[in-house]
Amino acid sequence: MDKTEIQATILFFAKARELVGSKECKLSIQKKLSSADLFDKIVHSFDLESIRNQIILAVNDEFVVPNSILILSENDKIAVIPPLSGG
């Protein structure tokens, strides 16, 4: 039987880590979904609305392409990356 949901590890960096209060969390997520749906799920699950327009996502070290369909696997790592500041 094919599972429709998987457990992914969500990794938080910089401002996202500060807002969530953790460097990583587990999240049940649809195995197949659009990049927009993944983005919305993460923003709403972890209350990241304040930085919504500043973050990008990466799945297993590959940046997520906007308007793409993703097929995720159990234990995939999804990074939430806000812009880094500094000089």
PDB file of N, CA and C in Angstrom:
ATOM      1  N   MET A   1       0.837  -1.190   0.000  1.00  0.00           N
ATOM      2  CA  MET A   1       0.000   0.000   0.000  1.00  0.00           C
ATOM      3  C   MET A   1       0.880   1.251   0.000  1.00  0.00           C
ATOM      4  N   ASP A   2       0.614   2.152  -0.904  1.00  0.00           N
ATOM      5  CA  ASP A   2       1.401   3.369  -1.043  1.00  0.00           C
ATOM      6  C   ASP A   2       0.899   4.433  -0.069  1.00  0.00           C
ATOM      7  N   LYS A   3       1.790   4.920   0.773  1.00  0.00           N
ATOM      8  CA  LYS A   3       1.421   5.983   1.709  1.00  0.00           C
ATOM      9  C   LYS A   3       1.310   7.304   0.965  1.00  0.00           C
ATOM     10  N   THR A   4       0.323   8.099   1.338  1.00  0.00           N
ATOM     11  CA  THR A   4       0.173   9.409   0.703  1.00  0.00           C
ATOM     12  C   THR A   4       0.856  10.509   1.507  1.00  0.00           C
ATOM     13  N   GLU A   5       1.234  10.219   2.753  1.00  0.00           N
ATOM     14  CA  GLU A   5       1.951  11.199   3.575  1.00  0.00           C
ATOM     15  C   GLU A   5       3.272  10.615   4.034  1.00  0.00           C
ATOM     16  N   ILE A   6       4.223  11.484   4.223  1.00  0.00           N
ATOM     17  CA  ILE A   6       5.537  11.089   4.727  1.00  0.00           C
ATOM     18  C   ILE A   6       5.896  12.000   5.902  1.00  0.00           C
ATOM     19  N   GLN A   7       6.900  11.593   6.654  1.00  0.00           N
ATOM     20  CA  GLN A   7       7.462  12.426   7.716  1.00  0.00           C
ATOM     21  C   GLN A   7       8.735  13.055   7.177  1.00  0.00           C
ATOM     22  N   ALA A   8       8.742  14.360   7.072  1.00  0.00           N
ATOM     23  CA  ALA A   8       9.928  15.083   6.613  1.00  0.00           C
ATOM     24  C   ALA A   8      10.538  15.831   7.791  1.00  0.00           C
ATOM     25  N   THR A   9      11.827  16.049   7.712  1.00  0.00           N
ATOM     26  CA  THR A   9      12.513  16.871   8.704  1.00  0.00           C
ATOM     27  C   THR A   9      12.626  18.281   8.136  1.00  0.00           C
ATOM     28  N   ILE A  10      12.098  19.249   8.869  1.00  0.00           N
ATOM     29  CA  ILE A  10      12.162  20.649   8.454  1.00  0.00           C
ATOM     30  C   ILE A  10      13.308  21.302   9.218  1.00  0.00           C
ATOM     31  N   LEU A  11      14.258  21.867   8.490  1.00  0.00           N
ATOM     32  CA  LEU A  11      15.423  22.524   9.078  1.00  0.00           C
ATOM     33  C   LEU A  11      15.244  24.036   8.984  1.00  0.00           C
ATOM     34  N   PHE A  12      15.517  24.718  10.069  1.00  0.00           N
ATOM     35  CA  PHE A  12      15.330  26.169  10.120  1.00  0.00           C
ATOM     36  C   PHE A  12      16.669  26.874  10.289  1.00  0.00           C
ATOM     37  N   PHE A  13      16.839  27.982   9.577  1.00  0.00           N
ATOM     38  CA  PHE A  13      18.070  28.752   9.634  1.00  0.00           C
ATOM     39  C   PHE A  13      17.757  30.216   9.902  1.00  0.00           C
ATOM     40  N   ALA A  14      18.710  30.900  10.524  1.00  0.00           N
ATOM     41  CA  ALA A  14      18.665  32.351  10.752  1.00  0.00           C
ATOM     42  C   ALA A  14      17.339  32.792  11.383  1.00  0.00           C
ATOM     43  N   LYS A  15      16.646  33.744  10.781  1.00  0.00           N
ATOM     44  CA  LYS A  15      15.411  34.308  11.345  1.00  0.00           C
ATOM     45  C   LYS A  15      14.331  33.242  11.505  1.00  0.00           C
ATOM     46  N   ALA A  16      14.254  32.280  10.594  1.00  0.00           N
ATOM     47  CA  ALA A  16      13.258  31.213  10.708  1.00  0.00           C
ATOM     48  C   ALA A  16      13.504  30.398  11.979  1.00  0.00           C
ATOM     49  N   ARG A  17      14.753  30.093  12.272  1.00  0.00           N
ATOM     50  CA  ARG A  17      15.096  29.343  13.492  1.00  0.00           C
ATOM     51  C   ARG A  17      14.716  30.150  14.727  1.00  0.00           C
ATOM     52  N   GLU A  18      14.980  31.442  14.682  1.00  0.00           N
ATOM     53  CA  GLU A  18      14.639  32.323  15.800  1.00  0.00           C
ATOM     54  C   GLU A  18      13.124  32.328  16.045  1.00  0.00           C
ATOM     55  N   LEU A  19      12.340  32.430  14.984  1.00  0.00           N
ATOM     56  CA  LEU A  19      10.880  32.476  15.119  1.00  0.00           C
ATOM     57  C   LEU A  19      10.294  31.155  15.600  1.00  0.00           C
ATOM     58  N   VAL A  20      10.829  30.048  15.109  1.00  0.00           N
ATOM     59  CA  VAL A  20      10.310  28.727  15.475  1.00  0.00           C
ATOM     60  C   VAL A  20      10.824  28.303  16.849  1.00  0.00           C
ATOM     61  N   GLY A  21      12.030  28.734  17.192  1.00  0.00           N
ATOM     62  CA  GLY A  21      12.614  28.364  18.473  1.00  0.00           C
ATOM     63  C   GLY A  21      13.247  26.990  18.466  1.00  0.00           C
ATOM     64  N   SER A  22      13.555  26.488  17.276  1.00  0.00           N
ATOM     65  CA  SER A  22      14.169  25.170  17.141  1.00  0.00           C
ATOM     66  C   SER A  22      14.940  25.117  15.831  1.00  0.00           C
ATOM     67  N   LYS A  23      15.969  24.271  15.786  1.00  0.00           N
ATOM     68  CA  LYS A  23      16.710  24.155  14.528  1.00  0.00           C
ATOM     69  C   LYS A  23      16.084  23.145  13.579  1.00  0.00           C
ATOM     70  N   GLU A  24      15.245  22.226  14.112  1.00  0.00           N
ATOM     71  CA  GLU A  24      14.551  21.286  13.235  1.00  0.00           C
ATOM     72  C   GLU A  24      13.309  20.718  13.900  1.00  0.00           C
ATOM     73  N   CYS A  25      12.361  20.324  13.065  1.00  0.00           N
ATOM     74  CA  CYS A  25      11.110  19.708  13.513  1.00  0.00           C
ATOM     75  C   CYS A  25      10.679  18.679  12.477  1.00  0.00           C
ATOM     76  N   LYS A  26       9.850  17.742  12.884  1.00  0.00           N
ATOM     77  CA  LYS A  26       9.245  16.777  11.958  1.00  0.00           C
ATOM     78  C   LYS A  26       7.890  17.314  11.525  1.00  0.00           C
ATOM     79  N   LEU A  27       7.495  16.981  10.297  1.00  0.00           N
ATOM     80  CA  LEU A  27       6.214  17.420   9.775  1.00  0.00           C
ATOM     81  C   LEU A  27       5.657  16.347   8.855  1.00  0.00           C
ATOM     82  N   SER A  28       4.393  15.974   9.082  1.00  0.00           N
ATOM     83  CA  SER A  28       3.694  15.077   8.158  1.00  0.00           C
ATOM     84  C   SER A  28       3.251  15.904   6.968  1.00  0.00           C
ATOM     85  N   ILE A  29       3.567  15.416   5.793  1.00  0.00           N
ATOM     86  CA  ILE A  29       3.288  16.186   4.583  1.00  0.00           C
ATOM     87  C   ILE A  29       2.940  15.242   3.442  1.00  0.00           C
ATOM     88  N   GLN A  30       2.150  15.720   2.509  1.00  0.00           N
ATOM     89  CA  GLN A  30       1.783  14.909   1.354  1.00  0.00           C
ATOM     90  C   GLN A  30       3.039  14.497   0.588  1.00  0.00           C
ATOM     91  N   LYS A  31       3.033  13.272   0.120  1.00  0.00           N
ATOM     92  CA  LYS A  31       4.169  12.751  -0.632  1.00  0.00           C
ATOM     93  C   LYS A  31       4.341  13.494  -1.963  1.00  0.00           C
ATOM     94  N   LYS A  32       3.229  13.786  -2.616  1.00  0.00           N
ATOM     95  CA  LYS A  32       3.264  14.508  -3.894  1.00  0.00           C
ATOM     96  C   LYS A  32       2.470  15.797  -3.727  1.00  0.00           C
ATOM     97  N   LEU A  33       3.128  16.931  -3.981  1.00  0.00           N
ATOM     98  CA  LEU A  33       2.467  18.222  -3.837  1.00  0.00           C
ATOM     99  C   LEU A  33       3.200  19.275  -4.648  1.00  0.00           C
ATOM    100  N   SER A  34       2.544  20.394  -4.840  1.00  0.00           N
ATOM    101  CA  SER A  34       3.186  21.490  -5.572  1.00  0.00           C
ATOM    102  C   SER A  34       4.147  22.229  -4.639  1.00  0.00           C
ATOM    103  N   SER A  35       5.083  22.924  -5.242  1.00  0.00           N
ATOM    104  CA  SER A  35       6.016  23.713  -4.435  1.00  0.00           C
ATOM    105  C   SER A  35       5.261  24.779  -3.636  1.00  0.00           C
ATOM    106  N   ALA A  36       4.195  25.335  -4.218  1.00  0.00           N
ATOM    107  CA  ALA A  36       3.386  26.341  -3.513  1.00  0.00           C
ATOM    108  C   ALA A  36       2.682  25.731  -2.303  1.00  0.00           C
ATOM    109  N   ASP A  37       2.159  24.506  -2.451  1.00  0.00           N
ATOM    110  CA  ASP A  37       1.496  23.835  -1.329  1.00  0.00           C
ATOM    111  C   ASP A  37       2.489  23.517  -0.215  1.00  0.00           C
ATOM    112  N   LEU A  38       3.691  23.090  -0.577  1.00  0.00           N
ATOM    113  CA  LEU A  38       4.723  22.821   0.424  1.00  0.00           C
ATOM    114  C   LEU A  38       5.062  24.107   1.176  1.00  0.00           C
ATOM    115  N   PHE A  39       5.249  25.169   0.447  1.00  0.00           N
ATOM    116  CA  PHE A  39       5.567  26.467   1.037  1.00  0.00           C
ATOM    117  C   PHE A  39       4.472  26.891   2.013  1.00  0.00           C
ATOM    118  N   ASP A  40       3.219  26.826   1.570  1.00  0.00           N
ATOM    119  CA  ASP A  40       2.082  27.212   2.421  1.00  0.00           C
ATOM    120  C   ASP A  40       1.991  26.347   3.669  1.00  0.00           C
ATOM    121  N   LYS A  41       2.188  25.050   3.519  1.00  0.00           N
ATOM    122  CA  LYS A  41       2.108  24.119   4.655  1.00  0.00           C
ATOM    123  C   LYS A  41       3.161  24.485   5.708  1.00  0.00           C
ATOM    124  N   ILE A  42       4.367  24.757   5.275  1.00  0.00           N
ATOM    125  CA  ILE A  42       5.440  25.090   6.215  1.00  0.00           C
ATOM    126  C   ILE A  42       5.191  26.450   6.867  1.00  0.00           C
ATOM    127  N   VAL A  43       4.823  27.441   6.081  1.00  0.00           N
ATOM    128  CA  VAL A  43       4.556  28.783   6.626  1.00  0.00           C
ATOM    129  C   VAL A  43       3.456  28.723   7.682  1.00  0.00           C
ATOM    130  N   HIS A  44       2.365  28.013   7.390  1.00  0.00           N
ATOM    131  CA  HIS A  44       1.249  27.942   8.338  1.00  0.00           C
ATOM    132  C   HIS A  44       1.547  27.033   9.532  1.00  0.00           C
ATOM    133  N   SER A  45       2.229  25.916   9.313  1.00  0.00           N
ATOM    134  CA  SER A  45       2.520  24.980  10.407  1.00  0.00           C
ATOM    135  C   SER A  45       3.450  25.582  11.451  1.00  0.00           C
ATOM    136  N   PHE A  46       4.344  26.465  11.020  1.00  0.00           N
ATOM    137  CA  PHE A  46       5.350  27.006  11.934  1.00  0.00           C
ATOM    138  C   PHE A  46       5.233  28.519  12.133  1.00  0.00           C
ATOM    139  N   ASP A  47       4.090  29.093  11.758  1.00  0.00           N
ATOM    140  CA  ASP A  47       3.805  30.513  11.972  1.00  0.00           C
ATOM    141  C   ASP A  47       4.933  31.414  11.455  1.00  0.00           C
ATOM    142  N   LEU A  48       5.254  31.251  10.180  1.00  0.00           N
ATOM    143  CA  LEU A  48       6.322  32.032   9.560  1.00  0.00           C
ATOM    144  C   LEU A  48       5.787  33.120   8.627  1.00  0.00           C
ATOM    145  N   GLU A  49       4.551  33.510   8.845  1.00  0.00           N
ATOM    146  CA  GLU A  49       3.920  34.517   7.979  1.00  0.00           C
ATOM    147  C   GLU A  49       4.725  35.819   7.925  1.00  0.00           C
ATOM    148  N   SER A  50       5.358  36.187   9.021  1.00  0.00           N
ATOM    149  CA  SER A  50       6.089  37.462   9.067  1.00  0.00           C
ATOM    150  C   SER A  50       7.298  37.487   8.127  1.00  0.00           C
ATOM    151  N   ILE A  51       7.809  36.323   7.733  1.00  0.00           N
ATOM    152  CA  ILE A  51       8.948  36.286   6.802  1.00  0.00           C
ATOM    153  C   ILE A  51       8.595  35.530   5.518  1.00  0.00           C
ATOM    154  N   ARG A  52       7.322  35.312   5.296  1.00  0.00           N
ATOM    155  CA  ARG A  52       6.833  34.541   4.148  1.00  0.00           C
ATOM    156  C   ARG A  52       7.468  34.975   2.818  1.00  0.00           C
ATOM    157  N   ASN A  53       7.543  36.275   2.584  1.00  0.00           N
ATOM    158  CA  ASN A  53       8.046  36.781   1.307  1.00  0.00           C
ATOM    159  C   ASN A  53       9.567  36.832   1.229  1.00  0.00           C
ATOM    160  N   GLN A  54      10.230  36.349   2.259  1.00  0.00           N
ATOM    161  CA  GLN A  54      11.689  36.422   2.297  1.00  0.00           C
ATOM    162  C   GLN A  54      12.359  35.060   2.317  1.00  0.00           C
ATOM    163  N   ILE A  55      11.594  33.986   2.396  1.00  0.00           N
ATOM    164  CA  ILE A  55      12.220  32.672   2.538  1.00  0.00           C
ATOM    165  C   ILE A  55      12.179  31.876   1.238  1.00  0.00           C
ATOM    166  N   ILE A  56      13.152  30.991   1.134  1.00  0.00           N
ATOM    167  CA  ILE A  56      13.166  30.012   0.059  1.00  0.00           C
ATOM    168  C   ILE A  56      13.289  28.639   0.704  1.00  0.00           C
ATOM    169  N   LEU A  57      12.921  27.611  -0.049  1.00  0.00           N
ATOM    170  CA  LEU A  57      12.983  26.241   0.450  1.00  0.00           C
ATOM    171  C   LEU A  57      13.986  25.436  -0.365  1.00  0.00           C
ATOM    172  N   ALA A  58      14.586  24.465   0.295  1.00  0.00           N
ATOM    173  CA  ALA A  58      15.455  23.508  -0.386  1.00  0.00           C
ATOM    174  C   ALA A  58      15.095  22.116   0.130  1.00  0.00           C
ATOM    175  N   VAL A  59      15.023  21.155  -0.769  1.00  0.00           N
ATOM    176  CA  VAL A  59      14.761  19.764  -0.398  1.00  0.00           C
ATOM    177  C   VAL A  59      16.036  18.977  -0.663  1.00  0.00           C
ATOM    178  N   ASN A  60      16.579  18.382   0.390  1.00  0.00           N
ATOM    179  CA  ASN A  60      17.820  17.606   0.283  1.00  0.00           C
ATOM    180  C   ASN A  60      18.910  18.391  -0.461  1.00  0.00           C
ATOM    181  N   ASP A  61      19.120  19.626  -0.025  1.00  0.00           N
ATOM    182  CA  ASP A  61      20.180  20.508  -0.536  1.00  0.00           C
ATOM    183  C   ASP A  61      19.962  21.022  -1.958  1.00  0.00           C
ATOM    184  N   GLU A  62      18.759  20.863  -2.507  1.00  0.00           N
ATOM    185  CA  GLU A  62      18.446  21.395  -3.840  1.00  0.00           C
ATOM    186  C   GLU A  62      17.333  22.424  -3.693  1.00  0.00           C
ATOM    187  N   PHE A  63      17.564  23.626  -4.183  1.00  0.00           N
ATOM    188  CA  PHE A  63      16.539  24.659  -4.085  1.00  0.00           C
ATOM    189  C   PHE A  63      15.268  24.221  -4.798  1.00  0.00           C
ATOM    190  N   VAL A  64      14.133  24.546  -4.200  1.00  0.00           N
ATOM    191  CA  VAL A  64      12.830  24.209  -4.778  1.00  0.00           C
ATOM    192  C   VAL A  64      12.516  25.206  -5.888  1.00  0.00           C
ATOM    193  N   VAL A  65      12.180  24.676  -7.046  1.00  0.00           N
ATOM    194  CA  VAL A  65      11.831  25.503  -8.202  1.00  0.00           C
ATOM    195  C   VAL A  65      10.374  25.940  -8.066  1.00  0.00           C
ATOM    196  N   PRO A  66      10.099  27.243  -8.177  1.00  0.00           N
ATOM    197  CA  PRO A  66       8.702  27.702  -8.099  1.00  0.00           C
ATOM    198  C   PRO A  66       7.841  27.023  -9.166  1.00  0.00           C
ATOM    199  N   ASN A  67       6.584  26.812  -8.830  1.00  0.00           N
ATOM    200  CA  ASN A  67       5.599  26.217  -9.745  1.00  0.00           C
ATOM    201  C   ASN A  67       5.965  24.810 -10.202  1.00  0.00           C
ATOM    202  N   SER A  68       6.644  24.063  -9.338  1.00  0.00           N
ATOM    203  CA  SER A  68       6.997  22.687  -9.684  1.00  0.00           C
ATOM    204  C   SER A  68       6.174  21.713  -8.846  1.00  0.00           C
ATOM    205  N   ILE A  69       6.136  20.467  -9.292  1.00  0.00           N
ATOM    206  CA  ILE A  69       5.506  19.386  -8.536  1.00  0.00           C
ATOM    207  C   ILE A  69       6.627  18.593  -7.881  1.00  0.00           C
ATOM    208  N   LEU A  70       6.491  18.356  -6.592  1.00  0.00           N
ATOM    209  CA  LEU A  70       7.508  17.636  -5.828  1.00  0.00           C
ATOM    210  C   LEU A  70       6.995  16.256  -5.453  1.00  0.00           C
ATOM    211  N   ILE A  71       7.881  15.288  -5.480  1.00  0.00           N
ATOM    212  CA  ILE A  71       7.573  13.961  -4.958  1.00  0.00           C
ATOM    213  C   ILE A  71       8.589  13.708  -3.852  1.00  0.00           C
ATOM    214  N   LEU A  72       8.094  13.732  -2.631  1.00  0.00           N
ATOM    215  CA  LEU A  72       8.950  13.624  -1.453  1.00  0.00           C
ATOM    216  C   LEU A  72       9.033  12.185  -0.971  1.00  0.00           C
ATOM    217  N   SER A  73      10.088  11.887  -0.241  1.00  0.00           N
ATOM    218  CA  SER A  73      10.295  10.563   0.341  1.00  0.00           C
ATOM    219  C   SER A  73      10.408  10.678   1.853  1.00  0.00           C
ATOM    220  N   GLU A  74      10.125   9.584   2.525  1.00  0.00           N
ATOM    221  CA  GLU A  74      10.251   9.527   3.981  1.00  0.00           C
ATOM    222  C   GLU A  74      11.635  10.023   4.387  1.00  0.00           C
ATOM    223  N   ASN A  75      11.670  10.871   5.404  1.00  0.00           N
ATOM    224  CA  ASN A  75      12.901  11.420   5.981  1.00  0.00           C
ATOM    225  C   ASN A  75      13.636  12.416   5.095  1.00  0.00           C
ATOM    226  N   ASP A  76      12.979  12.950   4.059  1.00  0.00           N
ATOM    227  CA  ASP A  76      13.594  14.037   3.300  1.00  0.00           C
ATOM    228  C   ASP A  76      13.852  15.204   4.245  1.00  0.00           C
ATOM    229  N   LYS A  77      14.861  15.994   3.922  1.00  0.00           N
ATOM    230  CA  LYS A  77      15.186  17.182   4.704  1.00  0.00           C
ATOM    231  C   LYS A  77      14.812  18.417   3.887  1.00  0.00           C
ATOM    232  N   ILE A  78      13.953  19.236   4.482  1.00  0.00           N
ATOM    233  CA  ILE A  78      13.487  20.453   3.825  1.00  0.00           C
ATOM    234  C   ILE A  78      14.005  21.645   4.618  1.00  0.00           C
ATOM    235  N   ALA A  79      14.835  22.453   3.982  1.00  0.00           N
ATOM    236  CA  ALA A  79      15.430  23.612   4.647  1.00  0.00           C
ATOM    237  C   ALA A  79      14.611  24.865   4.370  1.00  0.00           C
ATOM    238  N   VAL A  80      14.383  25.647   5.425  1.00  0.00           N
ATOM    239  CA  VAL A  80      13.709  26.944   5.329  1.00  0.00           C
ATOM    240  C   VAL A  80      14.805  27.996   5.475  1.00  0.00           C
ATOM    241  N   ILE A  81      15.074  28.696   4.372  1.00  0.00           N
ATOM    242  CA  ILE A  81      16.228  29.586   4.331  1.00  0.00           C
ATOM    243  C   ILE A  81      15.786  31.031   4.100  1.00  0.00           C
ATOM    244  N   PRO A  82      15.866  31.860   5.138  1.00  0.00           N
ATOM    245  CA  PRO A  82      15.606  33.289   4.948  1.00  0.00           C
ATOM    246  C   PRO A  82      16.886  33.954   4.436  1.00  0.00           C
ATOM    247  N   PRO A  83      16.792  35.196   3.977  1.00  0.00           N
ATOM    248  CA  PRO A  83      18.013  35.865   3.523  1.00  0.00           C
ATOM    249  C   PRO A  83      18.988  36.017   4.688  1.00  0.00           C
ATOM    250  N   LEU A  84      20.241  35.851   4.392  1.00  0.00           N
ATOM    251  CA  LEU A  84      21.266  36.005   5.417  1.00  0.00           C
ATOM    252  C   LEU A  84      21.757  37.439   5.389  1.00  0.00           C
ATOM    253  N   SER A  85      22.005  37.976   6.555  1.00  0.00           N
ATOM    254  CA  SER A  85      22.518  39.343   6.618  1.00  0.00           C
ATOM    255  C   SER A  85      23.968  39.301   7.054  1.00  0.00           C
ATOM    256  N   GLY A  86      24.621  40.366   6.871  1.00  0.00           N
ATOM    257  CA  GLY A  86      26.020  40.434   7.274  1.00  0.00           C
ATOM    258  C   GLY A  86      26.857  41.022   6.159  1.00  0.00           C
ATOM    259  N   GLY A  87      28.131  41.134   6.414  1.00  0.00           N
ATOM    260  CA  GLY A  87      28.967  41.770   5.413  1.00  0.00           C
ATOM    261  C   GLY A  87      30.245  41.072   5.196  1.00  0.00           C
TER     262      GLY A  87
END
